Protein backbone atom coordinates (compact mmCIF):
# COMPACT_ATOMS: atom_id res chain seq x y z
CA MET A 1 44.23 -8.92 19.03
CA SER A 2 42.93 -5.45 18.16
CA ALA A 3 43.69 -1.92 19.31
CA PHE A 4 41.32 -0.11 21.71
CA GLU A 5 39.96 -3.38 23.09
CA LYS A 6 38.40 -1.61 26.07
CA ILE A 7 35.70 -0.33 23.71
CA MET A 8 33.31 -3.27 23.74
CA LEU A 9 31.70 -4.34 20.47
CA PRO A 10 28.32 -6.00 19.91
CA PHE A 11 28.39 -9.76 19.53
CA ARG A 12 29.52 -11.08 16.17
CA PRO A 13 29.84 -14.88 15.74
CA SER A 14 33.19 -16.19 14.60
CA LYS A 15 33.64 -18.04 11.31
CA PRO A 16 32.20 -20.28 10.05
CA ARG A 17 29.05 -18.41 11.01
CA ASN A 18 25.41 -18.94 10.16
CA ALA A 19 24.22 -15.37 10.69
CA GLY A 20 25.60 -11.97 9.79
CA LEU A 21 27.19 -13.31 6.61
CA THR A 22 29.04 -11.05 4.21
CA MET A 23 29.10 -12.26 0.59
CA VAL A 24 31.60 -10.36 -1.58
CA LEU A 25 31.37 -9.90 -5.35
CA ASP A 26 34.82 -10.32 -6.88
CA LYS A 27 34.83 -8.76 -10.33
CA ASN A 28 38.54 -8.90 -11.18
CA LEU A 29 40.78 -9.07 -8.12
CA GLY A 30 44.36 -10.11 -8.77
CA ILE A 31 46.44 -12.14 -6.30
CA GLN A 32 48.04 -9.09 -4.66
CA ALA A 33 44.72 -7.27 -4.31
CA LEU A 34 43.12 -10.41 -2.90
CA ASN A 35 45.86 -10.86 -0.32
CA ASP A 36 45.58 -7.19 0.66
CA LEU A 37 41.81 -7.61 1.05
CA LEU A 38 42.20 -10.68 3.25
CA ASP A 39 44.87 -8.99 5.37
CA THR A 40 42.44 -6.24 6.31
CA ALA A 41 39.01 -7.87 6.02
CA GLY A 42 39.48 -11.66 5.95
CA GLU A 43 37.70 -12.15 9.28
CA PHE A 44 34.66 -10.27 8.01
CA ILE A 45 34.21 -12.16 4.72
CA ASP A 46 32.28 -15.42 4.60
CA ILE A 47 31.68 -16.02 0.88
CA VAL A 48 33.37 -14.73 -2.25
CA LYS A 49 31.56 -15.02 -5.56
CA PHE A 50 33.62 -14.80 -8.74
CA GLY A 51 31.24 -12.56 -10.62
CA TRP A 52 29.34 -13.68 -13.70
CA GLY A 53 31.52 -15.87 -15.98
CA THR A 54 34.89 -14.38 -15.04
CA SER A 55 36.16 -17.87 -14.18
CA ARG A 56 35.98 -18.68 -17.91
CA ILE A 57 38.11 -15.81 -19.20
CA LEU A 58 40.73 -15.53 -16.43
CA PRO A 59 43.81 -17.81 -16.53
CA PHE A 60 43.14 -21.20 -14.96
CA ASP A 61 46.14 -20.94 -12.63
CA LEU A 62 44.92 -17.56 -11.37
CA VAL A 63 41.43 -18.93 -10.61
CA ARG A 64 42.89 -21.97 -8.86
CA ARG A 65 45.34 -19.90 -6.82
CA LYS A 66 42.62 -17.49 -5.68
CA ILE A 67 40.43 -20.37 -4.55
CA GLU A 68 43.33 -21.83 -2.54
CA ILE A 69 44.05 -18.48 -0.84
CA LEU A 70 40.40 -17.91 0.06
CA SER A 71 39.91 -21.46 1.31
CA LYS A 72 42.86 -21.07 3.72
CA CYS A 73 41.05 -18.04 5.18
CA ASN A 74 37.88 -20.11 5.77
CA VAL A 75 36.00 -18.34 2.97
CA LEU A 76 33.53 -20.20 0.76
CA VAL A 77 34.18 -19.61 -2.95
CA CYS A 78 31.67 -19.94 -5.77
CA PRO A 79 31.46 -19.17 -9.49
CA GLY A 80 28.66 -16.78 -10.44
CA GLY A 81 25.11 -18.04 -10.80
CA THR A 82 24.87 -16.63 -14.32
CA PHE A 83 27.78 -18.84 -15.36
CA LEU A 84 25.88 -21.97 -14.23
CA GLU A 85 22.81 -20.73 -16.11
CA ILE A 86 24.88 -20.60 -19.31
CA ALA A 87 26.10 -24.15 -18.69
CA TYR A 88 22.52 -25.28 -18.07
CA ALA A 89 21.30 -23.68 -21.31
CA LYS A 90 24.00 -25.62 -23.19
CA GLY A 91 23.05 -28.91 -21.53
CA MET A 92 26.35 -28.94 -19.61
CA ALA A 93 25.22 -28.34 -16.01
CA ASN A 94 26.43 -31.70 -14.70
CA SER A 95 29.89 -31.40 -16.24
CA PHE A 96 30.07 -27.77 -15.02
CA LEU A 97 29.44 -28.86 -11.43
CA GLU A 98 31.97 -31.67 -11.66
CA GLU A 99 34.63 -29.34 -13.06
CA ALA A 100 33.87 -26.73 -10.40
CA LYS A 101 34.43 -29.42 -7.78
CA ASN A 102 37.73 -30.48 -9.35
CA ILE A 103 38.98 -26.89 -9.55
CA GLY A 104 38.29 -26.43 -5.83
CA PHE A 105 35.13 -24.32 -5.60
CA SER A 106 33.40 -25.01 -2.28
CA CYS A 107 30.11 -23.25 -2.99
CA ILE A 108 27.67 -23.13 -5.89
CA GLU A 109 25.10 -20.45 -6.64
CA VAL A 110 22.00 -21.77 -8.39
CA SER A 111 19.97 -19.01 -10.03
CA ASP A 112 17.48 -18.51 -12.85
CA GLY A 113 17.67 -14.75 -13.20
CA ALA A 114 18.79 -14.54 -16.81
CA ILE A 115 17.57 -17.84 -18.29
CA GLN A 116 14.16 -19.41 -17.93
CA ILE A 117 14.54 -22.63 -15.91
CA LYS A 118 11.55 -24.64 -14.72
CA HIS A 119 11.53 -24.56 -10.96
CA GLU A 120 11.56 -28.35 -10.64
CA ASN A 121 14.73 -28.34 -12.78
CA LYS A 122 16.26 -25.65 -10.58
CA LEU A 123 15.54 -27.83 -7.55
CA GLU A 124 17.26 -30.74 -9.28
CA LEU A 125 20.35 -28.55 -9.77
CA ILE A 126 20.32 -27.63 -6.08
CA LYS A 127 20.10 -31.28 -5.09
CA LYS A 128 22.83 -32.30 -7.53
CA ALA A 129 25.20 -29.64 -6.22
CA LYS A 130 24.43 -30.55 -2.62
CA ASP A 131 25.02 -34.25 -3.33
CA LEU A 132 28.42 -33.36 -4.78
CA GLY A 133 29.36 -31.76 -1.45
CA PHE A 134 28.96 -28.07 -2.32
CA THR A 135 27.47 -25.52 0.03
CA VAL A 136 24.54 -24.40 -2.13
CA ILE A 137 23.24 -20.86 -2.24
CA SER A 138 20.29 -20.33 -4.53
CA GLU A 139 18.92 -17.02 -5.77
CA VAL A 140 15.36 -15.82 -6.28
CA GLY A 141 14.75 -12.89 -8.61
CA LYS A 142 15.06 -11.87 -12.24
CA LYS A 143 17.74 -9.86 -14.04
CA PHE A 144 15.38 -8.13 -16.46
CA GLU A 145 12.87 -5.51 -15.40
CA MET A 146 9.73 -6.87 -17.08
CA GLU A 147 10.36 -10.41 -15.84
CA GLU A 148 11.03 -9.11 -12.34
CA LYS A 149 7.75 -7.17 -12.31
CA ARG A 150 5.82 -10.24 -13.45
CA TYR A 151 7.26 -12.46 -10.72
CA PRO A 152 4.50 -12.64 -8.06
CA ILE A 153 5.65 -12.29 -4.47
CA GLU A 154 3.64 -15.36 -3.41
CA GLU A 155 5.50 -17.41 -6.02
CA ARG A 156 8.87 -16.07 -4.84
CA ILE A 157 8.10 -17.03 -1.26
CA ASN A 158 7.02 -20.51 -2.33
CA HIS A 159 10.21 -20.90 -4.38
CA VAL A 160 12.40 -19.84 -1.45
CA LEU A 161 10.75 -22.38 0.85
CA LYS A 162 11.15 -25.22 -1.65
CA GLU A 163 14.78 -24.34 -2.33
CA LEU A 164 15.61 -24.33 1.38
CA GLU A 165 13.82 -27.64 1.78
CA THR A 166 15.79 -29.12 -1.14
CA GLY A 167 19.16 -28.16 0.34
CA SER A 168 20.02 -24.50 -0.13
CA PHE A 169 22.09 -23.15 2.76
CA LYS A 170 20.75 -19.65 2.11
CA VAL A 171 18.64 -18.01 -0.59
CA ILE A 172 19.75 -14.73 -2.14
CA ILE A 173 17.15 -12.03 -2.74
CA GLU A 174 18.24 -10.58 -6.08
CA ALA A 175 19.10 -6.88 -6.30
CA ARG A 176 21.80 -7.00 -9.00
CA GLU A 177 25.19 -5.30 -8.83
CA SER A 178 23.46 -1.93 -9.18
CA GLY A 179 21.19 -2.38 -6.16
CA SER A 180 18.19 -1.32 -8.22
CA SER A 181 16.09 -4.47 -8.33
CA GLY A 182 14.37 -6.90 -5.96
CA ILE A 183 13.70 -5.12 -2.66
CA PHE A 184 15.02 -1.82 -4.09
CA ASP A 185 13.43 0.50 -6.63
CA LYS A 186 15.17 1.97 -9.69
CA SER A 187 16.75 4.66 -7.50
CA GLY A 188 18.10 2.10 -5.06
CA ASP A 189 15.67 3.06 -2.30
CA ILE A 190 14.25 0.29 -0.14
CA MET A 191 10.71 -0.86 -0.90
CA GLN A 192 9.81 -1.33 2.75
CA GLU A 193 6.41 -2.95 2.26
CA PHE A 194 7.93 -5.51 -0.11
CA VAL A 195 10.64 -6.34 2.45
CA GLU A 196 8.12 -6.71 5.25
CA ILE A 197 6.00 -9.14 3.25
CA ILE A 198 9.01 -11.30 2.38
CA ILE A 199 10.49 -11.53 5.84
CA ALA A 200 7.13 -11.86 7.58
CA GLN A 201 6.76 -15.13 5.66
CA LEU A 202 10.39 -16.26 5.56
CA GLY A 203 12.21 -14.62 8.46
CA THR A 204 15.70 -13.30 7.77
CA HIS A 205 18.17 -15.97 8.89
CA ASN A 206 17.81 -18.09 5.71
CA LEU A 207 18.04 -15.12 3.34
CA ILE A 208 20.93 -13.13 1.89
CA PHE A 209 19.93 -9.64 0.78
CA GLU A 210 21.97 -8.26 -2.08
CA ALA A 211 22.76 -4.72 -0.96
CA PRO A 212 25.75 -3.25 -2.82
CA ARG A 213 25.22 0.34 -1.68
CA PRO A 214 26.33 1.50 1.80
CA GLU A 215 23.01 3.27 2.42
CA GLN A 216 21.18 0.01 1.68
CA GLN A 217 23.43 -1.87 4.09
CA HIS A 218 22.77 0.77 6.73
CA TRP A 219 18.99 0.47 6.36
CA LEU A 220 19.02 -3.32 6.62
CA ILE A 221 21.34 -3.35 9.66
CA SER A 222 19.38 -0.62 11.42
CA ASN A 223 16.00 -2.21 10.80
CA ILE A 224 16.79 -5.95 10.91
CA GLY A 225 19.95 -6.05 13.02
CA ASN A 226 23.65 -6.64 12.57
CA SER A 227 23.08 -10.36 11.98
CA VAL A 228 21.39 -9.73 8.61
CA ASN A 229 23.11 -11.58 5.76
CA LEU A 230 24.30 -9.26 2.98
CA GLY A 231 25.53 -9.97 -0.54
CA ASN A 232 26.99 -8.25 -3.62
CA ILE A 233 29.37 -6.38 -1.34
CA ASN A 234 32.17 -4.52 -3.08
CA PRO A 235 35.57 -5.67 -1.76
CA ASP A 236 36.44 -2.06 -0.91
CA ASP A 237 33.35 -1.84 1.32
CA CYS A 238 34.00 -4.86 3.56
CA VAL A 239 35.60 -2.98 6.44
CA ASN A 240 33.03 -0.19 6.18
CA LEU A 241 30.25 -2.79 6.40
CA GLU A 242 31.79 -4.40 9.47
CA THR A 243 32.01 -1.02 11.21
CA LEU A 244 28.29 -0.57 10.50
CA ARG A 245 27.59 -3.99 12.01
CA CYS A 246 29.64 -3.07 15.10
CA GLY A 247 28.19 0.41 15.61
CA LEU A 248 31.48 2.12 14.76
CA ARG A 249 29.90 4.62 12.40
CA ALA A 250 27.52 7.43 13.26
CA ASN A 251 24.67 5.65 11.45
CA THR A 252 24.59 2.75 13.93
CA LEU A 253 26.54 4.15 16.90
CA ARG A 254 23.49 4.86 19.08
CA GLU A 255 22.15 1.37 18.67
CA TYR A 256 25.28 -0.40 19.86
CA HIS A 257 27.23 1.95 22.12
CA LEU A 258 24.78 4.01 24.16
CA ASN A 259 23.64 1.06 26.26
CA ARG A 260 20.40 1.01 24.31
CA THR A 261 19.15 -2.55 24.03
CA SER A 262 17.63 -3.72 20.78
CA VAL A 263 14.58 -5.98 20.96
CA PHE A 264 13.58 -8.33 18.15
CA ILE A 265 10.47 -10.46 17.73
CA GLU A 266 10.88 -13.70 15.77
CA ASN A 267 8.74 -16.76 15.12
CA GLY A 268 9.20 -20.50 15.34
CA VAL A 269 12.18 -22.83 15.66
CA GLY A 270 14.09 -20.95 12.95
CA GLY A 271 13.71 -17.74 14.95
CA ALA A 272 14.92 -19.54 18.09
CA LEU A 273 18.03 -20.84 16.32
CA HIS A 274 18.72 -17.39 14.87
CA ALA A 275 18.42 -15.74 18.29
CA ALA A 276 20.72 -18.34 19.83
CA SER A 277 23.33 -17.81 17.11
CA LYS A 278 23.42 -14.10 18.03
CA LYS A 279 23.81 -14.91 21.75
CA ASP A 280 20.78 -12.74 22.51
CA VAL A 281 18.80 -13.05 25.70
CA VAL A 282 15.89 -15.16 24.45
CA ILE A 283 12.31 -15.11 25.70
CA ILE A 284 10.18 -18.01 24.47
CA VAL A 285 6.46 -17.23 24.25
CA ASP A 286 3.86 -19.94 23.66
CA ALA A 287 0.84 -18.29 25.24
CA LEU A 288 -1.61 -21.10 24.40
CA ARG A 289 -0.31 -22.97 26.29
CA ALA A 290 3.24 -24.22 26.93
CA SER A 291 4.67 -20.99 28.38
CA THR A 292 1.65 -20.42 30.59
CA THR A 293 1.73 -24.03 31.79
CA ILE A 294 5.44 -23.88 32.65
CA ILE A 295 5.08 -20.60 34.54
CA THR A 296 2.01 -21.85 36.44
CA ALA A 297 3.52 -25.22 37.33
CA LEU A 298 6.67 -23.64 38.78
CA ALA A 299 4.66 -20.95 40.58
CA GLU A 300 2.51 -23.66 42.18
CA GLY A 301 5.49 -25.57 43.54
CA VAL A 302 6.76 -27.93 40.83
CA ALA A 303 10.53 -28.27 41.39
CA SER A 304 11.51 -28.11 37.72
CA VAL A 305 10.19 -28.63 34.22
CA LYS A 306 12.11 -30.65 31.66
CA PRO A 307 11.02 -29.76 28.09
CA VAL A 308 11.34 -32.55 25.53
CA VAL A 309 10.48 -32.63 21.84
CA SER A 310 9.06 -36.12 21.33
CA ALA A 311 6.40 -38.04 23.23
CA ASP A 312 8.82 -40.98 23.55
CA GLU A 313 11.13 -38.79 25.65
CA CYS A 314 8.31 -37.79 27.98
CA ILE A 315 9.20 -40.11 30.86
CA GLY A 316 9.55 -39.02 34.47
CA GLU A 317 8.06 -38.43 37.88
CA LEU A 318 5.28 -36.33 36.36
CA THR A 319 4.50 -36.17 32.64
CA ALA A 320 2.37 -33.84 30.55
CA GLY A 321 1.93 -33.17 26.88
CA GLU A 322 -0.29 -32.58 23.89
CA ARG A 323 -0.45 -32.72 20.14
CA GLY A 324 -2.89 -30.46 18.36
CA GLY A 325 -4.27 -29.40 21.74
CA GLU A 326 -5.22 -32.91 22.82
CA LYS A 327 -3.63 -34.87 25.68
CA ILE A 328 -1.13 -37.52 24.65
CA PRO A 329 -2.40 -40.93 25.84
CA GLY A 330 -0.41 -42.43 28.68
CA LEU A 331 0.84 -39.14 30.14
CA ASP A 332 -0.27 -37.86 33.53
CA TYR A 333 -1.51 -34.46 32.42
CA ASP A 334 -2.61 -32.42 29.47
CA ASN A 335 -0.65 -29.26 28.59
CA SER A 336 -3.08 -27.32 30.77
CA PRO A 337 -1.97 -24.69 33.27
CA LEU A 338 -5.11 -25.33 35.30
CA SER A 339 -3.98 -28.90 35.98
CA PHE A 340 -1.21 -27.56 38.16
CA ARG A 341 -3.34 -25.17 40.18
CA SER A 342 -5.27 -27.97 41.82
CA SER A 343 -2.92 -30.98 41.83
CA ASN A 344 -0.37 -32.05 44.43
CA CYS A 345 2.77 -31.63 42.34
CA ALA A 346 4.96 -29.74 44.79
CA HIS A 347 8.70 -30.56 44.75
CA LYS A 348 8.35 -32.95 41.81
CA GLN A 349 9.94 -32.76 38.37
CA LEU A 350 7.60 -32.36 35.42
CA VAL A 351 8.54 -33.61 31.95
CA LEU A 352 6.62 -31.70 29.25
CA THR A 353 6.22 -32.07 25.48
CA THR A 354 4.08 -29.80 23.30
CA SER A 355 3.42 -29.22 19.61
CA ASN A 356 5.60 -26.11 19.28
CA GLY A 357 6.77 -24.55 22.54
CA THR A 358 9.14 -27.19 23.88
CA GLU A 359 10.90 -27.50 20.52
CA CYS A 360 11.50 -23.73 20.48
CA ILE A 361 12.91 -23.86 24.02
CA LYS A 362 15.33 -26.63 23.11
CA ALA A 363 16.41 -24.87 19.90
CA ALA A 364 17.03 -21.56 21.69
CA GLY A 365 19.19 -23.29 24.29
CA MET A 366 21.39 -25.17 21.82
CA GLN A 367 24.27 -22.67 22.06
CA ASN A 368 24.08 -22.10 25.83
CA SER A 369 22.07 -18.92 25.36
CA THR A 370 20.13 -17.37 28.22
CA VAL A 371 16.57 -18.61 27.66
CA LEU A 372 13.63 -17.28 29.67
CA ILE A 373 9.96 -18.24 29.48
CA GLY A 374 7.41 -15.49 29.06
CA SER A 375 3.70 -15.13 28.49
CA LEU A 376 0.93 -12.69 29.23
CA ILE A 377 0.68 -14.00 32.79
CA ASN A 378 4.25 -12.87 33.64
CA ALA A 379 4.82 -10.17 31.00
CA LYS A 380 6.12 -7.49 33.36
CA ALA A 381 8.35 -9.84 35.36
CA VAL A 382 9.99 -11.47 32.33
CA SER A 383 10.63 -8.12 30.64
CA GLU A 384 12.37 -6.78 33.75
CA LYS A 385 14.49 -9.92 34.14
CA ALA A 386 15.46 -10.03 30.45
CA LEU A 387 16.41 -6.35 30.37
CA ASP A 388 18.48 -6.68 33.53
CA ILE A 389 20.44 -9.58 32.01
CA ALA A 390 20.82 -7.83 28.66
CA LYS A 391 22.11 -4.61 30.22
CA SER A 392 24.58 -6.39 32.50
CA THR A 393 25.99 -8.56 29.70
CA ASN A 394 25.80 -6.03 26.82
CA ARG A 395 23.45 -8.20 24.77
CA HIS A 396 20.21 -7.73 22.89
CA ILE A 397 16.87 -9.44 23.42
CA THR A 398 14.87 -11.63 21.07
CA ILE A 399 11.33 -12.69 21.86
CA VAL A 400 10.62 -15.94 20.02
CA MET A 401 6.98 -16.82 19.46
CA ALA A 402 6.29 -20.54 19.12
CA GLY A 403 3.50 -19.93 16.60
CA ARG A 404 0.98 -22.41 15.25
CA ASN A 405 1.67 -24.75 12.32
CA ASN A 406 4.78 -22.69 11.44
CA GLN A 407 2.66 -19.54 11.21
CA LEU A 408 2.49 -16.55 13.49
CA ALA A 409 -0.10 -16.98 16.27
CA LEU A 410 -2.08 -13.92 17.33
CA GLU A 411 -2.02 -14.78 21.04
CA ASP A 412 1.78 -15.09 20.96
CA LEU A 413 2.15 -11.73 19.23
CA ILE A 414 -0.17 -10.06 21.74
CA SER A 415 1.83 -11.54 24.62
CA ALA A 416 5.17 -10.65 23.04
CA SER A 417 3.92 -7.10 22.46
CA GLU A 418 2.89 -6.78 26.10
CA ILE A 419 6.39 -7.85 27.13
CA VAL A 420 7.86 -5.26 24.74
CA ALA A 421 5.62 -2.57 26.24
CA ASN A 422 7.37 -3.06 29.59
CA PHE A 423 10.87 -2.50 28.24
CA LYS A 424 12.40 0.89 28.99
CA ASP A 425 14.94 2.67 26.79
CA CYS A 426 14.96 -0.06 24.13
CA SER A 427 14.76 0.00 20.34
CA VAL A 428 12.30 -2.42 18.74
CA LYS A 429 13.81 -3.79 15.54
CA GLY A 430 13.26 -6.63 13.13
CA TYR A 431 10.47 -7.51 10.77
CA ILE A 432 7.67 -8.39 13.21
CA LYS A 433 6.13 -5.33 14.79
CA PRO A 434 4.23 -5.24 18.10
CA VAL A 435 0.45 -5.01 18.26
CA TYR A 436 -1.57 -4.06 21.29
CA SER A 437 -4.82 -5.55 22.51
CA VAL A 438 -7.56 -3.82 24.44
CA ASP A 439 -9.38 -7.08 25.21
CA TYR A 440 -7.07 -10.02 25.85
CA GLU A 441 -9.82 -12.53 26.51
CA LYS A 442 -11.66 -11.71 23.31
CA ASP A 443 -8.52 -11.82 21.18
CA PHE A 444 -7.31 -15.09 22.71
CA LEU A 445 -10.73 -16.70 22.25
CA ASN A 446 -10.89 -15.54 18.62
CA SER A 447 -7.39 -16.72 17.72
CA GLU A 448 -6.96 -19.94 15.73
CA SER A 449 -5.39 -21.68 18.73
CA GLY A 450 -8.15 -20.37 20.97
CA LYS A 451 -10.87 -21.65 18.68
CA ASN A 452 -9.18 -25.06 18.53
CA LEU A 453 -9.01 -25.30 22.32
CA ILE A 454 -12.63 -24.18 22.69
CA ALA A 455 -13.67 -26.93 20.27
CA LEU A 456 -11.82 -29.39 22.51
CA GLY A 457 -13.70 -28.14 25.58
CA LYS A 458 -10.81 -26.11 27.00
CA GLU A 459 -12.26 -22.59 27.06
CA LYS A 460 -11.24 -22.17 30.72
CA ASP A 461 -7.62 -22.72 29.69
CA VAL A 462 -7.87 -19.95 27.10
CA LEU A 463 -9.39 -17.51 29.60
CA PHE A 464 -6.71 -18.31 32.17
CA CYS A 465 -3.92 -17.79 29.62
CA ALA A 466 -5.42 -14.38 28.79
CA LYS A 467 -4.77 -13.03 32.30
CA LYS A 468 -2.10 -10.34 32.54
CA ASN A 469 0.73 -10.26 35.10
CA LEU A 470 -0.76 -12.98 37.27
CA TYR A 471 2.68 -14.22 38.36
CA LYS A 472 6.00 -12.53 39.15
CA ILE A 473 8.20 -15.55 38.55
CA VAL A 474 10.43 -16.05 35.51
CA PRO A 475 11.47 -19.55 34.42
CA VAL A 476 15.03 -19.89 33.09
CA PHE A 477 16.41 -22.82 31.06
CA LYS A 478 19.56 -24.27 32.64
CA ASN A 479 21.21 -27.62 31.99
CA GLY A 480 18.12 -28.98 30.27
CA LEU A 481 15.69 -27.91 33.00
CA LEU A 482 13.39 -24.95 33.55
CA LEU A 483 13.74 -23.42 37.00
CA ILE A 484 12.63 -20.23 38.69
CA ALA A 485 15.27 -17.60 37.95
């Protein structure tokens, strides 16, 4: 229970959380200081890292006692990544991990910032730690200026993806204790273009940004949202950081307490899961063609649409689906909106599976979030419905684009941007920025998805999907079915 509970706060997931993580750097806290910290900020702290090799020089009983105290407060505890690097250089990585497990550490940071480690060997360390039962957090970035400058961004992105695939829970973007490396320049100012390139390729939900300075935390929260994961936080700054996340400081007050809805654009299943974890109102956009097909089918009288991920699940009164744009053999229909403009499907349930769209719908609905279906053909209607729900429930909105082959799809971004254009009194945040088209048909036809459909003889589908505000209905996902809201 808190004081002043009538002042509503923006949504923050409870622990253990997957988004909006706060990772604290413990340099030398004693037991009394640690207990004081947890009394005031325990609910806000998700991970505590015992900095560098401090676990080696502090008394064993002190290290063990601190781990026990933190674990009781549902806080992950890890020794510093540099400490594991030292053990690796001495050929003692395996025994280090085993001892860390015996001492009680629940988390391991795997880094290569100070010592040169071949990436395949770093991946082996991640796997080893994961197999031992640790929550693994890896780090990408270098401790020394010349090495950092010579670390190509394309290589960083590739390393992050491989580390996540191998078993990292999150990947830290190095900025050092000073906040003057990685995404920050020597003065600690954000290198915005660098950030945009990283998160355009990786999103934000799998990353932890080291941001030790309050002004850096403010920039990331204001531009990415209060669910951004932040690391290298000074223990004394934990409460301050939480007030920034909750709009209780002037820097973020307007965004969270003046009834001004924030709108984010994300991509793919990861974006859908992230939006669901924040309890945002979610709009799924798969313009070519799942969203358009769902909207059209319901508008033309289909009773409901059941989205499923696999073709084996696609069993029902009416079935439709595709892979790579081509109809799945044995199903009644292709994933074509035009199929439902001329067929007698009224009052029947449609079961639909597609390459990307249906998986995003299912992912977004995993935590009972409000999930709407949008596309160019209902852009105005879905924006009005989403904003009405967001305002009445004090939530934000995330538009999730299904994408193509895990990459951003132009037609989805154009459709998402048209939805954004209809929002009133909203702040557009996040790492994907809207674009605006002056010729929808041309842009849809020239997109990668459009070209693929044209090659399959489905140009009419593309042209239909490029129509704006054709329908006023908004499908909503409830109890596993899509219905007209």
